[in-house]
Each structure stands twice: as C-alpha cells, then as structure tokens.
Protein backbone atom coordinates (compact mmCIF):
# COMPACT_ATOMS: atom_id res chain seq x y z
CA UNK A 1 91.16 -22.82 77.76
CA UNK A 2 91.67 -20.53 80.72
CA UNK A 3 95.11 -19.46 79.44
CA UNK A 4 93.71 -18.57 76.05
CA UNK A 5 90.99 -16.38 77.57
CA UNK A 6 93.57 -14.45 79.59
CA UNK A 7 95.84 -14.08 76.53
CA UNK A 8 92.91 -12.76 74.49
CA UNK A 9 91.98 -10.22 77.20
CA UNK A 10 95.61 -9.00 77.51
CA UNK A 11 95.85 -8.40 73.73
CA UNK A 12 92.51 -6.58 73.73
CA UNK A 13 93.60 -4.31 76.62
CA UNK A 14 96.96 -3.46 74.81
CA UNK A 15 95.00 -2.53 71.74
CA UNK A 16 92.75 -0.26 73.62
CA UNK A 17 95.76 1.40 75.30
CA UNK A 18 97.34 2.35 71.96
CA UNK A 19 94.04 3.43 70.41
CA UNK A 20 93.14 5.70 73.27
CA UNK A 21 96.27 6.71 75.21
CA UNK A 22 98.93 6.47 72.55
CA UNK A 23 96.72 7.46 69.62
CA UNK A 24 99.16 9.96 68.14
CA UNK A 25 102.09 7.64 68.15
CA UNK A 26 100.02 4.74 66.83
CA UNK A 27 98.75 6.86 63.96
CA UNK A 28 102.22 8.07 63.15
CA UNK A 29 103.54 4.43 63.25
CA UNK A 30 100.79 3.32 60.87
CA UNK A 31 101.50 6.21 58.42
CA UNK A 32 105.26 5.59 58.52
CA UNK A 33 106.15 8.83 60.45
CA UNK A 34 109.03 8.76 62.85
CA UNK A 35 108.19 8.17 66.58
CA UNK A 36 108.16 10.83 69.31
CA UNK A 37 107.49 13.63 66.89
CA UNK A 38 105.92 16.47 68.82
CA UNK A 39 104.21 19.33 67.11
CA UNK A 40 106.15 22.54 67.93
CA UNK A 41 104.33 25.86 68.31
CA UNK A 42 106.21 28.71 67.03
CA UNK A 43 106.60 31.41 69.80
CA UNK A 44 107.83 34.76 68.64
CA UNK A 45 110.10 36.33 71.27
CA UNK A 46 109.11 39.99 72.08
CA UNK A 47 111.13 42.54 70.33
CA UNK A 48 112.88 44.64 72.98
CA UNK A 49 114.36 47.76 71.55
CA UNK A 50 118.01 48.25 72.49
CA UNK A 51 118.42 51.80 73.55
CA UNK A 52 122.08 51.86 74.44
CA UNK A 53 123.28 55.41 74.32
CA UNK A 54 120.59 56.57 72.05
CA UNK A 55 118.76 59.60 73.69
CA UNK A 56 115.23 59.05 74.99
CA UNK A 57 112.59 61.39 73.64
CA UNK A 58 110.85 63.38 76.40
CA UNK A 59 108.49 66.34 76.60
CA UNK A 60 109.39 69.24 79.02
CA UNK A 61 108.13 72.61 80.04
CA UNK A 62 109.96 75.79 81.03
CA UNK A 63 108.93 76.98 84.56
CA UNK A 64 109.80 80.15 86.37
CA UNK A 65 109.13 80.57 90.18
CA UNK A 66 106.36 82.92 91.21
CA UNK A 67 105.66 84.55 94.66
CA UNK A 68 102.62 82.82 96.20
CA UNK A 69 100.93 83.02 99.60
CA UNK A 70 101.71 79.91 101.45
CA UNK A 71 99.57 78.73 104.35
CA UNK A 72 97.66 75.95 105.98
CA UNK A 73 94.51 74.33 104.57
CA UNK A 74 92.23 72.55 106.89
CA UNK A 75 88.71 71.47 107.52
CA UNK A 76 86.56 73.08 110.24
CA UNK A 77 83.07 74.28 111.18
CA UNK A 78 81.34 77.49 112.20
CA UNK A 79 80.68 78.03 115.90
CA UNK A 80 78.60 80.68 117.64
CA UNK A 81 80.64 83.20 119.65
CA UNK A 82 78.32 82.67 122.53
CA UNK A 83 75.82 79.93 123.33
CA UNK A 84 74.10 79.99 126.75
CA UNK A 85 71.12 78.42 128.36
CA UNK A 86 69.49 81.20 130.52
CA UNK A 87 68.16 79.60 133.67
CA UNK A 88 66.08 80.64 136.60
CA UNK A 89 67.78 81.21 139.98
CA UNK A 90 64.50 81.01 141.92
CA UNK A 91 61.12 79.28 141.68
CA UNK A 92 57.85 80.68 140.54
CA UNK A 93 55.12 80.65 137.87
CA UNK A 94 55.91 82.37 134.57
CA UNK A 95 53.65 85.43 134.13
CA UNK A 96 55.24 86.85 130.91
CA UNK A 97 54.26 86.15 127.35
CA UNK A 98 56.90 83.86 125.79
CA UNK A 99 59.29 85.18 123.20
CA UNK A 100 59.48 82.94 120.17
CA UNK A 101 62.60 81.33 118.80
CA UNK A 102 64.32 83.39 116.21
CA UNK A 103 63.57 86.66 118.06
CA UNK A 104 66.44 89.10 118.31
CA UNK A 105 67.09 90.19 121.91
CA UNK A 106 69.32 92.87 123.33
CA UNK A 107 71.42 92.79 126.43
CA UNK A 108 69.28 93.45 129.50
CA UNK A 109 66.00 92.67 127.65
CA UNK A 110 63.35 90.91 129.76
CA UNK A 111 63.00 87.23 128.58
CA UNK A 112 61.00 85.64 131.42
CA UNK A 113 59.17 87.09 134.48
CA UNK A 114 58.13 85.01 137.48
CA UNK A 115 55.16 85.66 139.83
CA UNK A 116 56.50 87.24 143.10
CA UNK A 117 54.04 85.41 145.24
CA UNK A 118 54.55 86.33 148.95
CA UNK A 119 58.03 87.79 148.26
CA UNK A 120 56.75 91.42 148.34
CA UNK A 121 55.13 90.94 151.68
CA UNK A 122 58.32 89.33 152.96
CA UNK A 123 60.26 92.33 151.74
CA UNK A 124 57.92 94.80 153.54
CA UNK A 125 58.24 92.69 156.75
CA UNK A 126 62.06 92.69 156.40
CA UNK A 127 62.07 96.50 155.88
CA UNK A 128 59.88 97.04 159.02
CA UNK A 129 62.19 95.02 161.09
CA UNK A 130 65.18 96.91 159.73
CA UNK A 131 63.52 100.19 160.74
CA UNK A 132 62.89 98.77 164.27
CA UNK A 133 66.52 97.57 164.48
CA UNK A 134 67.82 101.01 163.37
CA UNK A 135 65.69 102.77 166.14
CA UNK A 136 66.97 100.21 168.80
CA UNK A 137 70.59 100.59 167.73
CA UNK A 138 70.48 104.43 167.89
CA UNK A 139 68.91 104.25 171.42
CA UNK A 140 71.35 101.67 172.68
CA UNK A 141 74.27 103.60 171.34
CA UNK A 142 73.07 106.88 172.88
CA UNK A 143 72.50 105.27 176.28
CA UNK A 144 75.91 103.62 176.24
CA UNK A 145 77.51 106.99 175.34
CA UNK A 146 75.85 108.74 178.23
CA UNK A 147 76.67 105.96 180.68
CA UNK A 148 73.14 104.65 181.13
CA UNK A 149 73.51 101.49 179.03
CA UNK A 150 75.96 98.57 178.94
CA UNK A 151 78.44 98.06 176.04
CA UNK A 152 76.98 94.59 175.57
CA UNK A 153 73.48 95.92 174.82
CA UNK A 154 74.97 98.37 172.30
CA UNK A 155 76.86 95.57 170.52
CA UNK A 156 73.77 93.32 170.55
CA UNK A 157 71.68 96.03 168.96
CA UNK A 158 74.24 96.70 166.28
CA UNK A 159 74.39 92.95 165.47
CA UNK A 160 70.45 92.96 165.16
CA UNK A 161 70.71 95.92 162.80
CA UNK A 162 73.21 94.19 160.52
CA UNK A 163 71.10 91.07 160.53
CA UNK A 164 67.94 92.97 159.53
CA UNK A 165 69.86 94.77 156.79
CA UNK A 166 71.05 91.43 155.38
CA UNK A 167 67.50 90.01 155.35
CA UNK A 168 66.27 93.06 153.39
CA UNK A 169 69.07 92.68 150.85
CA UNK A 170 68.32 88.96 150.47
CA UNK A 171 64.66 89.66 149.90
CA UNK A 172 65.32 92.34 147.40
CA UNK A 173 67.69 90.08 145.47
CA UNK A 174 65.16 87.24 145.45
CA UNK A 175 62.61 89.64 143.90
CA UNK A 176 65.21 90.85 141.36
CA UNK A 177 65.71 87.24 140.20
CA UNK A 178 62.00 87.08 139.23
CA UNK A 179 62.94 89.07 136.09
CA UNK A 180 65.17 86.99 133.86
CA UNK A 181 67.05 89.14 131.29
CA UNK A 182 69.20 88.49 128.27
CA UNK A 183 72.90 88.48 129.13
CA UNK A 184 74.03 89.77 125.72
CA UNK A 185 72.76 90.69 122.23
CA UNK A 186 71.77 87.59 120.41
CA UNK A 187 69.09 85.31 118.90
CA UNK A 188 66.63 83.09 120.67
CA UNK A 189 67.41 79.57 119.62
CA UNK A 190 64.41 78.23 121.60
CA UNK A 191 61.01 79.55 122.72
CA UNK A 192 61.10 81.27 126.14
CA UNK A 193 59.38 79.47 128.97
CA UNK A 194 55.60 79.24 128.40
CA UNK A 195 53.12 81.37 130.34
CA UNK A 196 51.87 79.54 133.41
CA UNK A 197 54.72 77.02 133.58
CA UNK A 198 56.56 76.57 136.90
CA UNK A 199 60.24 77.22 136.95
CA UNK A 200 62.45 75.77 139.63
CA UNK A 201 65.93 76.96 140.40
CA UNK A 202 68.00 75.78 137.37
CA UNK A 203 64.89 75.58 135.20
CA UNK A 204 65.40 76.68 131.55
CA UNK A 205 64.02 80.03 130.52
CA UNK A 206 65.54 80.23 126.95
CA UNK A 207 68.61 79.51 124.91
CA UNK A 208 70.40 82.45 123.37
CA UNK A 209 73.23 82.43 120.82
CA UNK A 210 75.44 85.17 119.48
CA UNK A 211 76.30 84.88 115.83
CA UNK A 212 77.97 88.21 115.20
CA UNK A 213 80.85 87.86 115.11
CA UNK A 214 80.99 84.14 114.35
CA UNK A 215 83.90 81.85 114.84
CA UNK A 216 85.24 79.21 112.33
CA UNK A 217 86.96 76.53 114.28
CA UNK A 218 89.48 74.00 112.94
CA UNK A 219 92.35 71.83 114.03
CA UNK A 220 95.88 72.08 112.69
CA UNK A 221 98.58 69.46 112.76
CA UNK A 222 101.72 69.85 114.92
CA UNK A 223 103.80 69.96 111.67
CA UNK A 224 102.03 73.09 110.43
CA UNK A 225 101.06 74.93 113.64
CA UNK A 226 104.26 76.94 113.80
CA UNK A 227 103.53 78.36 110.31
CA UNK A 228 100.49 80.24 111.50
CA UNK A 229 100.25 83.13 114.01
CA UNK A 230 97.36 85.04 115.66
CA UNK A 231 96.46 87.99 113.36
CA UNK A 232 97.13 86.17 110.10
CA UNK A 233 94.63 86.75 107.36
CA UNK A 234 92.20 83.77 106.69
CA UNK A 235 89.57 82.79 104.25
CA UNK A 236 86.92 80.17 104.57
CA UNK A 237 84.72 78.41 102.05
CA UNK A 238 81.44 77.36 103.56
CA UNK A 239 79.51 74.31 102.53
CA UNK A 240 77.21 76.44 100.41
CA UNK A 241 80.23 77.69 98.41
CA UNK A 242 80.21 81.13 99.88
CA UNK A 243 83.62 82.57 100.77
CA UNK A 244 84.23 84.70 103.85
CA UNK A 245 87.36 86.45 105.23
CA UNK A 246 88.57 87.14 108.68
CA UNK A 247 91.61 86.95 110.97
CA UNK A 248 93.07 84.21 113.05
CA UNK A 249 92.25 85.08 116.61
CA UNK A 250 93.24 81.99 118.60
CA UNK A 251 95.78 79.16 118.35
CA UNK A 252 95.68 76.64 121.21
CA UNK A 253 98.95 75.95 123.10
CA UNK A 254 97.83 72.54 124.13
CA UNK A 255 97.32 69.72 121.71
CA UNK A 256 94.44 67.29 121.66
CA UNK A 257 95.67 64.18 123.44
CA UNK A 258 93.92 61.86 120.88
CA UNK A 259 94.64 63.57 117.57
CA UNK A 260 97.73 65.58 118.44
CA UNK A 261 96.27 68.55 116.73
CA UNK A 262 95.78 72.20 117.92
CA UNK A 263 92.56 74.07 118.00
CA UNK A 264 92.45 77.39 116.17
CA UNK A 265 89.68 79.99 115.66
CA UNK A 266 89.03 82.50 112.83
CA UNK A 267 86.71 85.38 113.62
CA UNK A 268 84.36 86.54 110.87
CA UNK A 269 81.81 89.31 110.77
CA UNK A 270 78.14 88.11 110.50
CA UNK A 271 76.09 91.23 110.90
CA UNK A 272 73.16 89.79 108.93
CA UNK A 273 73.22 86.40 110.77
CA UNK A 274 73.39 84.62 107.42
CA UNK A 275 76.18 82.29 108.62
CA UNK A 276 74.70 79.51 110.75
CA UNK A 277 76.23 77.71 113.63
CA UNK A 278 77.60 74.26 112.91
CA UNK A 279 78.16 74.54 109.18
CA UNK A 280 81.30 72.83 107.69
CA UNK A 281 83.98 74.97 106.16
CA UNK A 282 87.26 74.75 104.42
CA UNK A 283 89.80 77.17 106.05
CA UNK A 284 92.94 78.57 104.45
CA UNK A 285 95.23 80.55 106.75
CA UNK A 286 97.78 82.64 104.90
CA UNK A 287 101.47 82.65 105.88
CA UNK A 288 104.55 84.30 104.40
CA UNK A 289 105.07 84.47 100.64
CA UNK A 290 107.45 82.05 99.08
CA UNK A 291 108.77 81.41 95.60
CA UNK A 292 107.16 78.30 94.10
CA UNK A 293 106.64 76.64 90.70
CA UNK A 294 103.23 75.64 89.29
CA UNK A 295 103.41 72.20 87.63
CA UNK A 296 100.99 69.63 86.41
CA UNK A 297 100.45 66.74 88.78
CA UNK A 298 101.62 64.24 86.13
CA UNK A 299 105.17 65.71 86.43
CA UNK A 300 105.69 64.06 89.79
CA UNK A 301 107.84 60.94 90.11
CA UNK A 302 109.75 58.91 92.73
CA UNK A 303 113.40 58.10 92.95
CA UNK A 304 114.91 54.78 94.15
CA UNK A 305 114.66 55.94 97.79
CA UNK A 306 110.90 56.77 97.54
CA UNK A 307 111.41 60.55 97.62
CA UNK A 308 108.82 62.54 95.65
CA UNK A 309 110.17 64.98 93.12
CA UNK A 310 110.57 65.81 89.43
CA UNK A 311 113.07 65.16 86.67
CA UNK A 312 114.82 68.17 85.19
CA UNK A 313 116.59 68.75 81.98
CA UNK A 314 120.24 69.64 82.70
CA UNK A 315 122.95 69.70 79.94
CA UNK A 316 121.00 67.24 77.82
CA UNK A 317 120.60 64.74 80.64
CA UNK A 318 117.81 63.84 83.13
CA UNK A 319 118.38 64.73 86.73
CA UNK A 320 116.05 64.04 89.66
CA UNK A 321 115.26 66.84 92.06
CA UNK A 322 113.17 66.41 95.26
CA UNK A 323 110.39 68.97 95.87
CA UNK A 324 107.92 69.90 98.59
CA UNK A 325 104.28 70.37 97.73
CA UNK A 326 103.01 73.75 98.95
CA UNK A 327 99.46 73.78 97.63
CA UNK A 328 97.35 71.36 95.73
CA UNK A 329 94.66 72.62 93.21
CA UNK A 330 92.41 71.01 90.64
CA UNK A 331 94.60 72.43 87.85
CA UNK A 332 97.98 71.54 89.22
CA UNK A 333 100.25 71.86 92.17
CA UNK A 334 102.55 74.52 93.66
CA UNK A 335 105.97 73.19 94.62
CA UNK A 336 109.12 74.55 96.11
CA UNK A 337 112.69 73.33 96.37
CA UNK A 338 113.67 74.14 92.76
CA UNK A 339 115.81 76.86 91.19
CA UNK A 340 114.20 80.02 89.94
CA UNK A 341 114.16 78.84 86.33
CA UNK A 342 114.05 75.09 85.51
CA UNK A 343 113.09 72.75 82.64
CA UNK A 344 110.81 70.01 84.00
CA UNK A 345 110.10 66.74 82.11
CA UNK A 346 106.31 66.18 82.04
CA UNK A 347 106.12 63.24 79.72
CA UNK A 348 108.68 60.38 79.66
CA UNK A 349 110.13 61.01 83.13
CA UNK A 350 109.36 57.44 84.22
CA UNK A 351 111.59 55.99 81.37
CA UNK A 352 114.79 57.76 82.30
CA UNK A 353 117.11 57.81 85.22
CA UNK A 354 119.75 60.22 86.46
CA UNK A 355 122.32 60.68 83.72
CA UNK A 356 120.15 59.39 80.89
CA UNK A 357 120.71 61.13 77.59
CA UNK A 358 117.47 62.71 76.49
CA UNK A 359 116.15 64.38 73.38
CA UNK A 360 113.88 67.18 74.62
CA UNK A 361 110.79 68.59 72.95
CA UNK A 362 109.37 71.60 74.78
CA UNK A 363 105.59 71.69 75.11
CA UNK A 364 104.14 74.14 72.63
CA UNK A 365 106.85 73.42 69.93
CA UNK A 366 106.01 71.72 66.71
CA UNK A 367 107.26 68.22 66.37
C-alpha cells in the first residue's frame, strides 16, 4: 500500500513537470510536431555601405588669409590709481566740520583740523627760551674772543642754543600736524572724522581715492607674456558693456608663485569718474598683425595623435593640417598655420582620412 502511494506521487510530479516546465515540448509532442523545435527570430543584419574607392561627398569653403591684430585676451578688474587712508600724526579733538564721502578734494586741501590745546603756549615758551639761548651764546662767544671767558662756556652756550632751536622746530611741526590735508587730487571714499571726535596718532581722518587715470589690472600666463610689451594699445570691456581704450603701462617681471601668472596694468583716462574701482573687465592687449583665416568652429577636427586642425582639399583628396587658434569669437575662430589660400572641409571631415578620395561641393554652389 505504501509502495502504491509513492508510485502515484511520482507519476503526478512527473506530469506536473511536463505541464509546467516542459510545456512547449509536451504540446508539440501531443500535436505531432518534431521535438526541440525552437522558434527563430529573424534578425536583419545592418546594411553597411561599401565605400571602397568611391569618393566621399563633402562640403568645403574657400578661405583666404587676412591680416588681423593678434593679442592676449584676459580677465581683470578696475583699480584706483591711488587709495590712501589719511591718518593723524598727533592727538587732539577734531574742530573742523566733516567733509562728506563723495566730495572732490584737491591736493593740499584741509580735510581735518585738530584743537591745538596747549601747543601754542608751548611754542611761545620754546621761542622765549630760544631767544634767551641766542643772547647767552652771543655773550659767551664775545667773552671767549676777548679772553674773558673759557672755551668750555662758549661751547656749552652754543649747545644750549641748538637745543632751544630744536625744541622750537618740534613745537612748530607738532602744530602743523594739527591741520590734516589731502595728499593728492581725489575723491573722499568715507566721511571725514566727525566734529568733536578725538583722534590719536594713527587715527583715521578720511579715505581718499584717485580714479583719474584708472588702472585695469589683469594676470597673463607665462605662455603669452612675451607677446605683449609696455606701450601696446589695449581695449577693455567693462561689466556694464562699455568699452574703453588705453595703453599697457606695466608688466610684472615676477610671476605669482601660486598661479604662475604675471600682473599687468592698463591705464585708462577717467576724467568724469564714471569708471568705478573694483569692476570686472575683459582686457584685450593688441600685439603684432599676423595673417589668419576665419573659419567656422565646426570645421575643427582631430587627427590620430590628438592634434587639433582642419582637413583640406588637395588634388581631390582630404589632407589634415594642424592649426593654432588665434582668437575665438561667437561667429567663428581665427586660426593660423595654413597657406594663404586653402579649401577647408566644413561638413564631412569626420568621415575621411588623409588620402581619402572626396567629391567636393563648395558652400554656396547649387547641388
């Protein structure tokens, strides 16, 4: 009875195996189809055109070299020609009305004045002592000359005279420091010290900047620094879109140790003070004129060695020619390294190699 149960279970499991796992073979067997028939999916192989020696159709343009101004293009910012914090050299209360920021000041104009306090009295005292020392020195000198006084006394009186003279000069200089003046023509960037405030030595009276002329500062790479020289014409496009012109007035002889770039300065007139300090700018410094071709950026390609260049039409074949980009614009690029007159492939250059036969259609011709 036990053997019959096991046999029944085995037959049932085998039937389930064929109905579930081997369903396709079981169905084919029942219908009389041959075993191990797999349904094949037809896969069409891609049609690869055989080019062989057939010329490849490309589109090219005729290009002739033109003289352009080369130069260096870099980013920079405007910088005031002078920027100074005018500070007090002595202590005292401010007794002058403050000049407000934005005020134009001229060289030598009074910016801050301090209360003299007891300095005038000290100066009077020093002058009185100087007068006394002068009389004593004359008397000692006369007595020594006539033989009635010692040389030591005359020397001592002369020393006292020199000391009194120095005290007077020091008192006069201390009083002169009470009137703080503008060191150059410029613009107040901050309010002058307020009336009644106490300034100590080193205390800030006002900040003055000079914006005419103004400098536009940038940093040029070591690969391009030899292309520019002091005196070269330069143009700058400010962040507002305004274009200004000037001349290159400084090129550093020492590179920045971090970026390995060299500081340069372009000086631009700014009589109306409309150019502000710290505005970003794009600087172009002109160099010598060179022949170059103007090509669309799409004409560029790479050879097997990774060199950038273009493919030319030469005797019905494609030839790679390396180039160097002189200037990049939104409409195209200026390149050099090509002959004066060339035919440049602009469409299809990626599908040919050196020596490939090509069928050329020049841009602008009807096809």
